[in-house]
Amino acid sequence: WAAAKLLEMTARAGKVEALKEEADEFV
């Protein structure tokens, strides 16, 4: 849940360069 929340927060902040890293971590 926390990993998904962090991924959502990263995306809503527009940090496109970090999306792949956060998505991999959630998976």
PDB file of all heavy atoms in Angstrom:
ATOM      1  N   TRP A   1       0.844  -1.206   0.000  1.00  0.00           N
ATOM      2  CA  TRP A   1       0.000   0.000   0.000  1.00  0.00           C
ATOM      3  C   TRP A   1       0.872   1.246   0.000  1.00  0.00           C
ATOM      4  O   TRP A   1       0.627   2.194  -0.751  1.00  0.00           O
ATOM      5  CB  TRP A   1      -0.913  -0.017   1.220  1.00  0.00           C
ATOM      6  CG  TRP A   1      -1.961   1.057   1.220  1.00  0.00           C
ATOM      7  CD1 TRP A   1      -3.258   0.940   0.797  1.00  0.00           C
ATOM      8  CD2 TRP A   1      -1.812   2.415   1.676  1.00  0.00           C
ATOM      9  NE1 TRP A   1      -3.910   2.140   0.949  1.00  0.00           N
ATOM     10  CE2 TRP A   1      -3.059   3.057   1.474  1.00  0.00           C
ATOM     11  CE3 TRP A   1      -0.762   3.136   2.214  1.00  0.00           C
ATOM     12  CZ2 TRP A   1      -3.268   4.389   1.815  1.00  0.00           C
ATOM     13  CZ3 TRP A   1      -0.959   4.472   2.542  1.00  0.00           C
ATOM     14  CH2 TRP A   1      -2.217   5.087   2.347  1.00  0.00           C
ATOM     15  N   ALA A   2       1.901   1.255   0.838  1.00  0.00           N
ATOM     16  CA  ALA A   2       2.787   2.413   0.907  1.00  0.00           C
ATOM     17  C   ALA A   2       3.542   2.603  -0.402  1.00  0.00           C
ATOM     18  O   ALA A   2       3.755   3.742  -0.847  1.00  0.00           O
ATOM     19  CB  ALA A   2       3.765   2.247   2.069  1.00  0.00           C
ATOM     20  N   ALA A   3       3.955   1.509  -1.048  1.00  0.00           N
ATOM     21  CA  ALA A   3       4.664   1.617  -2.326  1.00  0.00           C
ATOM     22  C   ALA A   3       3.737   2.170  -3.414  1.00  0.00           C
ATOM     23  O   ALA A   3       4.161   2.981  -4.247  1.00  0.00           O
ATOM     24  CB  ALA A   3       5.206   0.248  -2.742  1.00  0.00           C
ATOM     25  N   ALA A   4       2.483   1.741  -3.411  1.00  0.00           N
ATOM     26  CA  ALA A   4       1.521   2.273  -4.377  1.00  0.00           C
ATOM     27  C   ALA A   4       1.229   3.741  -4.104  1.00  0.00           C
ATOM     28  O   ALA A   4       1.103   4.552  -5.039  1.00  0.00           O
ATOM     29  CB  ALA A   4       0.228   1.455  -4.342  1.00  0.00           C
ATOM     30  N   LYS A   5       1.128   4.102  -2.828  1.00  0.00           N
ATOM     31  CA  LYS A   5       0.902   5.492  -2.455  1.00  0.00           C
ATOM     32  C   LYS A   5       2.062   6.361  -2.915  1.00  0.00           C
ATOM     33  O   LYS A   5       1.860   7.471  -3.443  1.00  0.00           O
ATOM     34  CB  LYS A   5       0.726   5.594  -0.937  1.00  0.00           C
ATOM     35  CG  LYS A   5       0.557   7.025  -0.413  1.00  0.00           C
ATOM     36  CD  LYS A   5      -0.747   7.630  -0.866  1.00  0.00           C
ATOM     37  CE  LYS A   5      -0.954   9.008  -0.284  1.00  0.00           C
ATOM     38  NZ  LYS A   5      -2.205   9.637  -0.756  1.00  0.00           N
ATOM     39  N   LEU A   6       3.296   5.882  -2.714  1.00  0.00           N
ATOM     40  CA  LEU A   6       4.474   6.640  -3.124  1.00  0.00           C
ATOM     41  C   LEU A   6       4.504   6.813  -4.644  1.00  0.00           C
ATOM     42  O   LEU A   6       4.833   7.891  -5.150  1.00  0.00           O
ATOM     43  CB  LEU A   6       5.736   5.931  -2.649  1.00  0.00           C
ATOM     44  CG  LEU A   6       7.073   6.599  -2.992  1.00  0.00           C
ATOM     45  CD1 LEU A   6       7.113   8.032  -2.486  1.00  0.00           C
ATOM     46  CD2 LEU A   6       8.225   5.786  -2.427  1.00  0.00           C
ATOM     47  N   LEU A   7       4.140   5.758  -5.379  1.00  0.00           N
ATOM     48  CA  LEU A   7       4.084   5.845  -6.841  1.00  0.00           C
ATOM     49  C   LEU A   7       3.039   6.867  -7.274  1.00  0.00           C
ATOM     50  O   LEU A   7       3.276   7.683  -8.181  1.00  0.00           O
ATOM     51  CB  LEU A   7       3.757   4.462  -7.427  1.00  0.00           C
ATOM     52  CG  LEU A   7       3.561   4.389  -8.946  1.00  0.00           C
ATOM     53  CD1 LEU A   7       4.796   4.894  -9.691  1.00  0.00           C
ATOM     54  CD2 LEU A   7       3.230   2.954  -9.358  1.00  0.00           C
ATOM     55  N   GLU A   8       1.890   6.863  -6.625  1.00  0.00           N
ATOM     56  CA  GLU A   8       0.843   7.832  -6.954  1.00  0.00           C
ATOM     57  C   GLU A   8       1.312   9.260  -6.651  1.00  0.00           C
ATOM     58  O   GLU A   8       1.096  10.178  -7.460  1.00  0.00           O
ATOM     59  CB  GLU A   8      -0.429   7.517  -6.161  1.00  0.00           C
ATOM     60  CG  GLU A   8      -1.595   8.433  -6.496  1.00  0.00           C
ATOM     61  CD  GLU A   8      -2.839   8.145  -5.667  1.00  0.00           C
ATOM     62  OE1 GLU A   8      -2.740   7.404  -4.660  1.00  0.00           O
ATOM     63  OE2 GLU A   8      -3.916   8.658  -6.016  1.00  0.00           O
ATOM     64  N   MET A   9       1.942   9.458  -5.493  1.00  0.00           N
ATOM     65  CA  MET A   9       2.438  10.778  -5.127  1.00  0.00           C
ATOM     66  C   MET A   9       3.488  11.269  -6.128  1.00  0.00           C
ATOM     67  O   MET A   9       3.499  12.442  -6.523  1.00  0.00           O
ATOM     68  CB  MET A   9       3.047  10.732  -3.716  1.00  0.00           C
ATOM     69  CG  MET A   9       2.038  10.531  -2.600  1.00  0.00           C
ATOM     70  SD  MET A   9       2.819  10.071  -1.022  1.00  0.00           S
ATOM     71  CE  MET A   9       3.894  11.471  -0.747  1.00  0.00           C
ATOM     72  N   THR A  10       4.371  10.363  -6.549  1.00  0.00           N
ATOM     73  CA  THR A  10       5.415  10.717  -7.510  1.00  0.00           C
ATOM     74  C   THR A  10       4.801  11.148  -8.837  1.00  0.00           C
ATOM     75  O   THR A  10       5.230  12.142  -9.442  1.00  0.00           O
ATOM     76  CB  THR A  10       6.357   9.518  -7.725  1.00  0.00           C
ATOM     77  OG1 THR A  10       6.943   9.135  -6.471  1.00  0.00           O
ATOM     78  CG2 THR A  10       7.466   9.857  -8.713  1.00  0.00           C
ATOM     79  N   ALA A  11       3.784  10.399  -9.281  1.00  0.00           N
ATOM     80  CA  ALA A  11       3.136  10.729 -10.555  1.00  0.00           C
ATOM     81  C   ALA A  11       2.385  12.048 -10.472  1.00  0.00           C
ATOM     82  O   ALA A  11       2.471  12.886 -11.382  1.00  0.00           O
ATOM     83  CB  ALA A  11       2.193   9.595 -10.960  1.00  0.00           C
ATOM     84  N   ARG A  12       1.674  12.263  -9.386  1.00  0.00           N
ATOM     85  CA  ARG A  12       0.902  13.508  -9.262  1.00  0.00           C
ATOM     86  C   ARG A  12       1.818  14.728  -9.108  1.00  0.00           C
ATOM     87  O   ARG A  12       1.405  15.848  -9.422  1.00  0.00           O
ATOM     88  CB  ARG A  12      -0.078  13.412  -8.092  1.00  0.00           C
ATOM     89  CG  ARG A  12      -1.141  12.337  -8.282  1.00  0.00           C
ATOM     90  CD  ARG A  12      -2.371  12.548  -7.453  1.00  0.00           C
ATOM     91  NE  ARG A  12      -3.309  11.437  -7.569  1.00  0.00           N
ATOM     92  CZ  ARG A  12      -4.120  11.240  -8.593  1.00  0.00           C
ATOM     93  NH1 ARG A  12      -4.090  12.087  -9.606  1.00  0.00           N
ATOM     94  NH2 ARG A  12      -4.940  10.207  -8.628  1.00  0.00           N
ATOM     95  N   ALA A  13       3.036  14.493  -8.637  1.00  0.00           N
ATOM     96  CA  ALA A  13       4.009  15.582  -8.550  1.00  0.00           C
ATOM     97  C   ALA A  13       4.688  15.844  -9.893  1.00  0.00           C
ATOM     98  O   ALA A  13       5.485  16.775 -10.008  1.00  0.00           O
ATOM     99  CB  ALA A  13       5.059  15.261  -7.496  1.00  0.00           C
ATOM    100  N   GLY A  14       4.384  15.014 -10.908  1.00  0.00           N
ATOM    101  CA  GLY A  14       4.950  15.207 -12.239  1.00  0.00           C
ATOM    102  C   GLY A  14       6.403  14.798 -12.366  1.00  0.00           C
ATOM    103  O   GLY A  14       7.094  15.239 -13.287  1.00  0.00           O
ATOM    104  N   LYS A  15       6.882  13.933 -11.481  1.00  0.00           N
ATOM    105  CA  LYS A  15       8.282  13.495 -11.530  1.00  0.00           C
ATOM    106  C   LYS A  15       8.418  12.304 -12.479  1.00  0.00           C
ATOM    107  O   LYS A  15       8.577  11.150 -12.070  1.00  0.00           O
ATOM    108  CB  LYS A  15       8.758  13.123 -10.128  1.00  0.00           C
ATOM    109  CG  LYS A  15       8.718  14.297  -9.147  1.00  0.00           C
ATOM    110  CD  LYS A  15       9.186  13.884  -7.767  1.00  0.00           C
ATOM    111  CE  LYS A  15       9.153  15.060  -6.796  1.00  0.00           C
ATOM    112  NZ  LYS A  15       9.572  14.674  -5.430  1.00  0.00           N
ATOM    113  N   VAL A  16       8.336  12.603 -13.767  1.00  0.00           N
ATOM    114  CA  VAL A  16       8.304  11.563 -14.793  1.00  0.00           C
ATOM    115  C   VAL A  16       9.558  10.706 -14.763  1.00  0.00           C
ATOM    116  O   VAL A  16       9.501   9.488 -14.982  1.00  0.00           O
ATOM    117  CB  VAL A  16       8.125  12.206 -16.194  1.00  0.00           C
ATOM    118  CG1 VAL A  16       8.147  11.150 -17.278  1.00  0.00           C
ATOM    119  CG2 VAL A  16       6.834  13.013 -16.248  1.00  0.00           C
ATOM    120  N   GLU A  17      10.709  11.328 -14.474  1.00  0.00           N
ATOM    121  CA  GLU A  17      11.979  10.594 -14.507  1.00  0.00           C
ATOM    122  C   GLU A  17      12.048   9.511 -13.426  1.00  0.00           C
ATOM    123  O   GLU A  17      12.842   8.570 -13.528  1.00  0.00           O
ATOM    124  CB  GLU A  17      13.149  11.572 -14.349  1.00  0.00           C
ATOM    125  CG  GLU A  17      13.287  12.210 -12.973  1.00  0.00           C
ATOM    126  CD  GLU A  17      12.286  13.321 -12.697  1.00  0.00           C
ATOM    127  OE1 GLU A  17      11.537  13.704 -13.631  1.00  0.00           O
ATOM    128  OE2 GLU A  17      12.227  13.809 -11.546  1.00  0.00           O
ATOM    129  N   ALA A  18      11.215   9.607 -12.373  1.00  0.00           N
ATOM    130  CA  ALA A  18      11.251   8.634 -11.272  1.00  0.00           C
ATOM    131  C   ALA A  18      10.172   7.565 -11.389  1.00  0.00           C
ATOM    132  O   ALA A  18      10.114   6.651 -10.554  1.00  0.00           O
ATOM    133  CB  ALA A  18      11.114   9.357  -9.932  1.00  0.00           C
ATOM    134  N   LEU A  19       9.316   7.640 -12.399  1.00  0.00           N
ATOM    135  CA  LEU A  19       8.169   6.730 -12.480  1.00  0.00           C
ATOM    136  C   LEU A  19       8.595   5.277 -12.639  1.00  0.00           C
ATOM    137  O   LEU A  19       8.034   4.383 -12.004  1.00  0.00           O
ATOM    138  CB  LEU A  19       7.254   7.130 -13.646  1.00  0.00           C
ATOM    139  CG  LEU A  19       6.540   8.477 -13.502  1.00  0.00           C
ATOM    140  CD1 LEU A  19       5.654   8.744 -14.711  1.00  0.00           C
ATOM    141  CD2 LEU A  19       5.716   8.520 -12.223  1.00  0.00           C
ATOM    142  N   LYS A  20       9.574   5.000 -13.498  1.00  0.00           N
ATOM    143  CA  LYS A  20       9.993   3.614 -13.737  1.00  0.00           C
ATOM    144  C   LYS A  20      10.549   2.989 -12.462  1.00  0.00           C
ATOM    145  O   LYS A  20      10.215   1.843 -12.114  1.00  0.00           O
ATOM    146  CB  LYS A  20      11.050   3.576 -14.848  1.00  0.00           C
ATOM    147  CG  LYS A  20      11.510   2.156 -15.224  1.00  0.00           C
ATOM    148  CD  LYS A  20      10.361   1.350 -15.823  1.00  0.00           C
ATOM    149  CE  LYS A  20      10.859   0.078 -16.517  1.00  0.00           C
ATOM    150  NZ  LYS A  20      11.470  -0.894 -15.603  1.00  0.00           N
ATOM    151  N   GLU A  21      11.381   3.729 -11.747  1.00  0.00           N
ATOM    152  CA  GLU A  21      11.962   3.205 -10.510  1.00  0.00           C
ATOM    153  C   GLU A  21      10.886   2.898  -9.481  1.00  0.00           C
ATOM    154  O   GLU A  21      10.892   1.825  -8.852  1.00  0.00           O
ATOM    155  CB  GLU A  21      12.949   4.221  -9.931  1.00  0.00           C
ATOM    156  CG  GLU A  21      13.558   3.777  -8.605  1.00  0.00           C
ATOM    157  CD  GLU A  21      14.381   4.869  -7.943  1.00  0.00           C
ATOM    158  OE1 GLU A  21      14.572   5.921  -8.558  1.00  0.00           O
ATOM    159  OE2 GLU A  21      14.823   4.649  -6.786  1.00  0.00           O
ATOM    160  N   GLU A  22       9.938   3.821  -9.304  1.00  0.00           N
ATOM    161  CA  GLU A  22       8.884   3.608  -8.312  1.00  0.00           C
ATOM    162  C   GLU A  22       7.929   2.490  -8.737  1.00  0.00           C
ATOM    163  O   GLU A  22       7.451   1.715  -7.901  1.00  0.00           O
ATOM    164  CB  GLU A  22       8.100   4.903  -8.087  1.00  0.00           C
ATOM    165  CG  GLU A  22       8.931   6.092  -7.626  1.00  0.00           C
ATOM    166  CD  GLU A  22       9.576   5.875  -6.278  1.00  0.00           C
ATOM    167  OE1 GLU A  22       9.362   4.820  -5.652  1.00  0.00           O
ATOM    168  OE2 GLU A  22      10.320   6.773  -5.842  1.00  0.00           O
ATOM    169  N   ALA A  23       7.657   2.395 -10.041  1.00  0.00           N
ATOM    170  CA  ALA A  23       6.790   1.322 -10.532  1.00  0.00           C
ATOM    171  C   ALA A  23       7.456  -0.034 -10.322  1.00  0.00           C
ATOM    172  O   ALA A  23       6.806  -1.006  -9.891  1.00  0.00           O
ATOM    173  CB  ALA A  23       6.468   1.539 -12.007  1.00  0.00           C
ATOM    174  N   ASP A  24       8.756  -0.127 -10.625  1.00  0.00           N
ATOM    175  CA  ASP A  24       9.477  -1.387 -10.407  1.00  0.00           C
ATOM    176  C   ASP A  24       9.458  -1.775  -8.928  1.00  0.00           C
ATOM    177  O   ASP A  24       9.301  -2.952  -8.589  1.00  0.00           O
ATOM    178  CB  ASP A  24      10.926  -1.248 -10.876  1.00  0.00           C
ATOM    179  CG  ASP A  24      11.061  -1.249 -12.394  1.00  0.00           C
ATOM    180  OD1 ASP A  24      10.114  -1.698 -13.074  1.00  0.00           O
ATOM    181  OD2 ASP A  24      12.106  -0.794 -12.895  1.00  0.00           O
ATOM    182  N   GLU A  25       9.619  -0.794  -8.056  1.00  0.00           N
ATOM    183  CA  GLU A  25       9.619  -1.084  -6.627  1.00  0.00           C
ATOM    184  C   GLU A  25       8.252  -1.572  -6.168  1.00  0.00           C
ATOM    185  O   GLU A  25       8.147  -2.509  -5.363  1.00  0.00           O
ATOM    186  CB  GLU A  25      10.033   0.167  -5.837  1.00  0.00           C
ATOM    187  CG  GLU A  25       9.982   0.002  -4.325  1.00  0.00           C
ATOM    188  CD  GLU A  25      10.911  -1.081  -3.804  1.00  0.00           C
ATOM    189  OE1 GLU A  25      11.842  -1.494  -4.535  1.00  0.00           O
ATOM    190  OE2 GLU A  25      10.692  -1.526  -2.659  1.00  0.00           O
ATOM    191  N   PHE A  26       7.178  -0.942  -6.674  1.00  0.00           N
ATOM    192  CA  PHE A  26       5.849  -1.418  -6.293  1.00  0.00           C
ATOM    193  C   PHE A  26       5.634  -2.855  -6.768  1.00  0.00           C
ATOM    194  O   PHE A  26       5.120  -3.690  -6.014  1.00  0.00           O
ATOM    195  CB  PHE A  26       4.746  -0.542  -6.883  1.00  0.00           C
ATOM    196  CG  PHE A  26       3.390  -1.176  -6.732  1.00  0.00           C
ATOM    197  CD1 PHE A  26       2.748  -1.180  -5.507  1.00  0.00           C
ATOM    198  CD2 PHE A  26       2.795  -1.858  -7.794  1.00  0.00           C
ATOM    199  CE1 PHE A  26       1.534  -1.829  -5.336  1.00  0.00           C
ATOM    200  CE2 PHE A  26       1.579  -2.504  -7.632  1.00  0.00           C
ATOM    201  CZ  PHE A  26       0.948  -2.484  -6.394  1.00  0.00           C
ATOM    202  N   VAL A  27       6.016  -3.157  -8.008  1.00  0.00           N
ATOM    203  CA  VAL A  27       5.817  -4.513  -8.524  1.00  0.00           C
ATOM    204  C   VAL A  27       6.608  -5.518  -7.696  1.00  0.00           C
ATOM    205  O   VAL A  27       6.156  -6.644  -7.459  1.00  0.00           O
ATOM    206  CB  VAL A  27       6.192  -4.585 -10.014  1.00  0.00           C
ATOM    207  CG1 VAL A  27       6.136  -6.029 -10.520  1.00  0.00           C
ATOM    208  CG2 VAL A  27       5.246  -3.726 -10.847  1.00  0.00           C
TER     209      VAL A  27
END
